[in-house]
Amino acid sequence: MAIRLPHTVSSKKVPKGYFAVYVGESQKRFVIPVSFLNQPLFQDLLGMSEEEFGYTHPIGGLTIPCNEDLFVDVTSRLN
């Protein structure tokens, strides 16, 4: 089974079954599978986001307040 890593997409369009998140100080945009929402490790990242921003995100999209390396490390463990 292949590991699906998050990837950046230059277009503003997000493929069906995916959603965009913004990560790190530079607000790098990643497009990840919706299936990650069910994963406990990703839910931990969502909890960090809720603590930092509540339900209002500064750039309009979901912002994850961790560095890019940590985000890629966590999401690389998800199937």
N, C-alpha and C. Protein backbone atom coordinates (compact mmCIF):
# COMPACT_ATOMS: atom_id res chain seq x y z
N MET A 1 0.85 -1.18 0.00
CA MET A 1 0.00 0.00 0.00
C MET A 1 0.89 1.24 0.00
N ALA A 2 0.60 2.18 -0.85
CA ALA A 2 1.40 3.40 -0.96
C ALA A 2 1.05 4.38 0.15
N ILE A 3 2.04 5.13 0.57
CA ILE A 3 1.82 6.18 1.57
C ILE A 3 1.48 7.46 0.82
N ARG A 4 0.41 8.10 1.23
CA ARG A 4 0.00 9.36 0.61
C ARG A 4 0.54 10.51 1.44
N LEU A 5 1.49 11.23 0.89
CA LEU A 5 2.05 12.38 1.59
C LEU A 5 1.28 13.62 1.20
N PRO A 6 1.22 14.60 2.10
CA PRO A 6 0.58 15.85 1.73
C PRO A 6 1.38 16.49 0.61
N HIS A 7 0.72 17.27 -0.20
CA HIS A 7 1.43 17.94 -1.27
C HIS A 7 0.89 19.34 -1.45
N THR A 8 1.73 20.15 -2.03
CA THR A 8 1.28 21.51 -2.31
C THR A 8 0.68 21.55 -3.70
N VAL A 9 -0.32 22.39 -3.85
CA VAL A 9 -0.98 22.55 -5.14
C VAL A 9 -1.01 24.04 -5.42
N SER A 10 -0.46 24.42 -6.56
CA SER A 10 -0.38 25.85 -6.86
C SER A 10 -1.75 26.42 -7.21
N SER A 11 -2.61 25.63 -7.79
CA SER A 11 -3.95 26.08 -8.14
C SER A 11 -4.80 26.19 -6.88
N LYS A 12 -5.78 27.08 -6.91
CA LYS A 12 -6.68 27.21 -5.77
C LYS A 12 -7.71 26.09 -5.74
N LYS A 13 -7.86 25.35 -6.83
CA LYS A 13 -8.80 24.24 -6.86
C LYS A 13 -8.26 23.09 -6.03
N VAL A 14 -9.16 22.45 -5.31
CA VAL A 14 -8.79 21.29 -4.49
C VAL A 14 -9.54 20.09 -5.06
N PRO A 15 -8.83 19.01 -5.36
CA PRO A 15 -9.49 17.83 -5.91
C PRO A 15 -10.55 17.26 -4.96
N LYS A 16 -11.55 16.63 -5.53
CA LYS A 16 -12.60 16.00 -4.72
C LYS A 16 -11.96 14.98 -3.78
N GLY A 17 -12.39 15.00 -2.52
CA GLY A 17 -11.86 14.08 -1.52
C GLY A 17 -10.65 14.63 -0.77
N TYR A 18 -10.28 15.86 -1.04
CA TYR A 18 -9.13 16.50 -0.41
C TYR A 18 -9.55 17.85 0.15
N PHE A 19 -8.72 18.42 1.02
CA PHE A 19 -8.94 19.78 1.49
C PHE A 19 -7.60 20.43 1.75
N ALA A 20 -7.61 21.75 1.76
CA ALA A 20 -6.37 22.51 1.93
C ALA A 20 -6.20 22.94 3.38
N VAL A 21 -4.97 22.90 3.84
CA VAL A 21 -4.60 23.44 5.15
C VAL A 21 -3.37 24.31 4.96
N TYR A 22 -3.17 25.23 5.89
CA TYR A 22 -2.01 26.12 5.87
C TYR A 22 -1.18 25.83 7.10
N VAL A 23 0.13 25.66 6.89
CA VAL A 23 1.01 25.15 7.95
C VAL A 23 2.23 26.04 8.12
N GLY A 24 2.60 26.24 9.38
CA GLY A 24 3.84 26.93 9.71
C GLY A 24 3.76 28.44 9.62
N GLU A 25 4.88 29.07 9.96
CA GLU A 25 4.95 30.52 9.95
C GLU A 25 4.76 31.10 8.55
N SER A 26 5.21 30.36 7.54
CA SER A 26 5.09 30.86 6.17
C SER A 26 3.73 30.54 5.56
N GLN A 27 2.87 29.85 6.32
CA GLN A 27 1.52 29.49 5.86
C GLN A 27 1.56 28.71 4.54
N LYS A 28 2.44 27.71 4.48
CA LYS A 28 2.54 26.88 3.29
C LYS A 28 1.25 26.08 3.14
N ARG A 29 0.73 26.04 1.94
CA ARG A 29 -0.54 25.37 1.66
C ARG A 29 -0.29 23.92 1.28
N PHE A 30 -0.96 23.00 1.99
CA PHE A 30 -0.91 21.58 1.68
C PHE A 30 -2.32 21.12 1.36
N VAL A 31 -2.42 20.18 0.45
CA VAL A 31 -3.70 19.56 0.12
C VAL A 31 -3.62 18.12 0.58
N ILE A 32 -4.54 17.74 1.47
CA ILE A 32 -4.49 16.42 2.08
C ILE A 32 -5.84 15.72 1.95
N PRO A 33 -5.84 14.38 2.05
CA PRO A 33 -7.09 13.64 1.92
C PRO A 33 -8.04 13.90 3.09
N VAL A 34 -9.32 13.96 2.80
CA VAL A 34 -10.35 14.13 3.83
C VAL A 34 -10.28 12.99 4.84
N SER A 35 -9.84 11.82 4.41
CA SER A 35 -9.76 10.67 5.31
C SER A 35 -8.86 10.92 6.52
N PHE A 36 -7.94 11.89 6.43
CA PHE A 36 -7.07 12.23 7.57
C PHE A 36 -7.88 12.74 8.76
N LEU A 37 -9.06 13.28 8.50
CA LEU A 37 -9.88 13.83 9.59
C LEU A 37 -10.25 12.78 10.63
N ASN A 38 -10.29 11.52 10.24
CA ASN A 38 -10.64 10.43 11.16
C ASN A 38 -9.46 9.89 11.95
N GLN A 39 -8.26 10.34 11.63
CA GLN A 39 -7.05 9.80 12.24
C GLN A 39 -6.72 10.53 13.55
N PRO A 40 -6.47 9.78 14.63
CA PRO A 40 -6.16 10.41 15.92
C PRO A 40 -4.96 11.36 15.88
N LEU A 41 -3.91 11.02 15.14
CA LEU A 41 -2.76 11.92 15.06
C LEU A 41 -3.13 13.25 14.41
N PHE A 42 -3.95 13.20 13.37
CA PHE A 42 -4.37 14.44 12.72
C PHE A 42 -5.34 15.20 13.62
N GLN A 43 -6.16 14.50 14.36
CA GLN A 43 -7.07 15.16 15.30
C GLN A 43 -6.29 15.91 16.36
N ASP A 44 -5.11 15.41 16.73
CA ASP A 44 -4.24 16.14 17.67
C ASP A 44 -3.81 17.48 17.06
N LEU A 45 -3.47 17.47 15.77
CA LEU A 45 -3.11 18.71 15.09
C LEU A 45 -4.30 19.67 15.05
N LEU A 46 -5.48 19.13 14.83
CA LEU A 46 -6.69 19.97 14.84
C LEU A 46 -6.93 20.58 16.21
N GLY A 47 -6.64 19.81 17.26
CA GLY A 47 -6.76 20.33 18.63
C GLY A 47 -5.81 21.48 18.87
N MET A 48 -4.58 21.38 18.34
CA MET A 48 -3.62 22.48 18.45
C MET A 48 -4.15 23.72 17.74
N SER A 49 -4.77 23.50 16.60
CA SER A 49 -5.33 24.61 15.84
C SER A 49 -6.47 25.28 16.60
N GLU A 50 -7.32 24.47 17.21
CA GLU A 50 -8.43 25.02 17.98
C GLU A 50 -7.92 25.84 19.16
N GLU A 51 -6.90 25.33 19.86
CA GLU A 51 -6.34 26.05 21.00
C GLU A 51 -5.74 27.39 20.57
N GLU A 52 -5.07 27.40 19.43
CA GLU A 52 -4.39 28.61 18.96
C GLU A 52 -5.36 29.63 18.37
N PHE A 53 -6.29 29.17 17.53
CA PHE A 53 -7.12 30.08 16.76
C PHE A 53 -8.61 30.01 17.08
N GLY A 54 -9.03 29.02 17.87
CA GLY A 54 -10.46 28.80 18.05
C GLY A 54 -11.03 28.34 16.72
N TYR A 55 -12.15 28.89 16.34
CA TYR A 55 -12.74 28.51 15.05
C TYR A 55 -12.64 29.64 14.04
N THR A 56 -11.82 30.63 14.34
CA THR A 56 -11.58 31.73 13.42
C THR A 56 -10.13 31.65 12.96
N HIS A 57 -9.95 31.38 11.70
CA HIS A 57 -8.59 31.24 11.18
C HIS A 57 -8.22 32.49 10.39
N PRO A 58 -7.02 33.01 10.64
CA PRO A 58 -6.64 34.32 10.11
C PRO A 58 -6.66 34.45 8.59
N ILE A 59 -6.40 33.40 7.86
CA ILE A 59 -6.36 33.54 6.40
C ILE A 59 -7.58 32.91 5.73
N GLY A 60 -8.55 32.51 6.52
CA GLY A 60 -9.78 31.99 5.96
C GLY A 60 -9.81 30.48 5.81
N GLY A 61 -8.66 29.86 5.68
CA GLY A 61 -8.58 28.40 5.58
C GLY A 61 -8.13 27.81 6.90
N LEU A 62 -8.16 26.51 6.98
CA LEU A 62 -7.73 25.82 8.20
C LEU A 62 -6.22 25.99 8.35
N THR A 63 -5.81 26.54 9.49
CA THR A 63 -4.40 26.79 9.77
C THR A 63 -3.94 25.84 10.87
N ILE A 64 -2.84 25.14 10.62
CA ILE A 64 -2.27 24.22 11.60
C ILE A 64 -1.02 24.89 12.17
N PRO A 65 -1.01 25.18 13.49
CA PRO A 65 0.10 25.92 14.09
C PRO A 65 1.28 25.03 14.50
N CYS A 66 1.92 24.41 13.53
CA CYS A 66 3.13 23.65 13.81
C CYS A 66 4.08 23.89 12.65
N ASN A 67 5.34 23.49 12.81
CA ASN A 67 6.26 23.70 11.70
C ASN A 67 5.99 22.67 10.60
N GLU A 68 6.44 22.99 9.42
CA GLU A 68 6.16 22.14 8.25
C GLU A 68 6.74 20.75 8.40
N ASP A 69 7.92 20.63 8.99
CA ASP A 69 8.56 19.33 9.16
C ASP A 69 7.72 18.41 10.04
N LEU A 70 7.19 18.95 11.14
CA LEU A 70 6.34 18.16 12.02
C LEU A 70 5.07 17.73 11.29
N PHE A 71 4.46 18.64 10.54
CA PHE A 71 3.25 18.32 9.80
C PHE A 71 3.49 17.20 8.80
N VAL A 72 4.57 17.29 8.04
CA VAL A 72 4.88 16.26 7.06
C VAL A 72 5.18 14.94 7.76
N ASP A 73 5.89 14.99 8.90
CA ASP A 73 6.18 13.77 9.66
C ASP A 73 4.90 13.10 10.14
N VAL A 74 3.99 13.87 10.71
CA VAL A 74 2.73 13.29 11.23
C VAL A 74 1.89 12.75 10.09
N THR A 75 1.71 13.53 9.04
CA THR A 75 0.82 13.09 7.96
C THR A 75 1.43 11.93 7.16
N SER A 76 2.74 11.77 7.17
CA SER A 76 3.36 10.65 6.46
C SER A 76 3.06 9.32 7.17
N ARG A 77 2.64 9.38 8.42
CA ARG A 77 2.30 8.17 9.18
C ARG A 77 0.86 7.74 9.00
N LEU A 78 0.06 8.56 8.33
CA LEU A 78 -1.37 8.29 8.18
C LEU A 78 -1.65 7.57 6.87
N ASN A 79 -2.62 6.68 6.91
CA ASN A 79 -3.04 5.97 5.69
C ASN A 79 -4.46 6.36 5.37
